[in-house]
């Protein structure tokens, strides 16, 4: 469960980074 939680946080962080890059490029 702990590993799954960490993976979820990392996935969310990666998604947020992609959104930030996309918005910056617009």
Protein backbone atom coordinates (compact mmCIF):
# COMPACT_ATOMS: atom_id res chain seq x y z
CA UNK A 1 0.00 0.00 0.00
CA UNK A 2 2.83 2.38 0.85
CA UNK A 3 4.58 1.75 -2.46
CA UNK A 4 1.33 2.25 -4.35
CA UNK A 5 0.80 5.55 -2.55
CA UNK A 6 4.30 6.74 -3.43
CA UNK A 7 3.86 5.74 -7.06
CA UNK A 8 0.57 7.63 -7.16
CA UNK A 9 2.22 10.78 -5.80
CA UNK A 10 5.06 10.49 -8.30
CA UNK A 11 2.57 9.99 -11.14
CA UNK A 12 0.58 13.05 -10.06
CA UNK A 13 3.77 15.09 -9.83
CA UNK A 14 4.83 14.01 -13.33
CA UNK A 15 1.39 14.90 -14.68
CA UNK A 16 1.54 18.33 -13.04
CA UNK A 17 4.98 18.93 -14.54
CA UNK A 18 3.69 18.06 -18.02
CA UNK A 19 0.78 20.46 -17.54
CA UNK A 20 3.17 23.21 -16.40
CA UNK A 21 5.36 22.68 -19.48
CA UNK A 22 2.33 22.68 -21.78
CA UNK A 23 0.99 25.90 -20.29
CA UNK A 24 4.41 27.53 -20.46
CA UNK A 25 4.72 26.62 -24.15
CA UNK A 26 1.33 28.10 -24.98
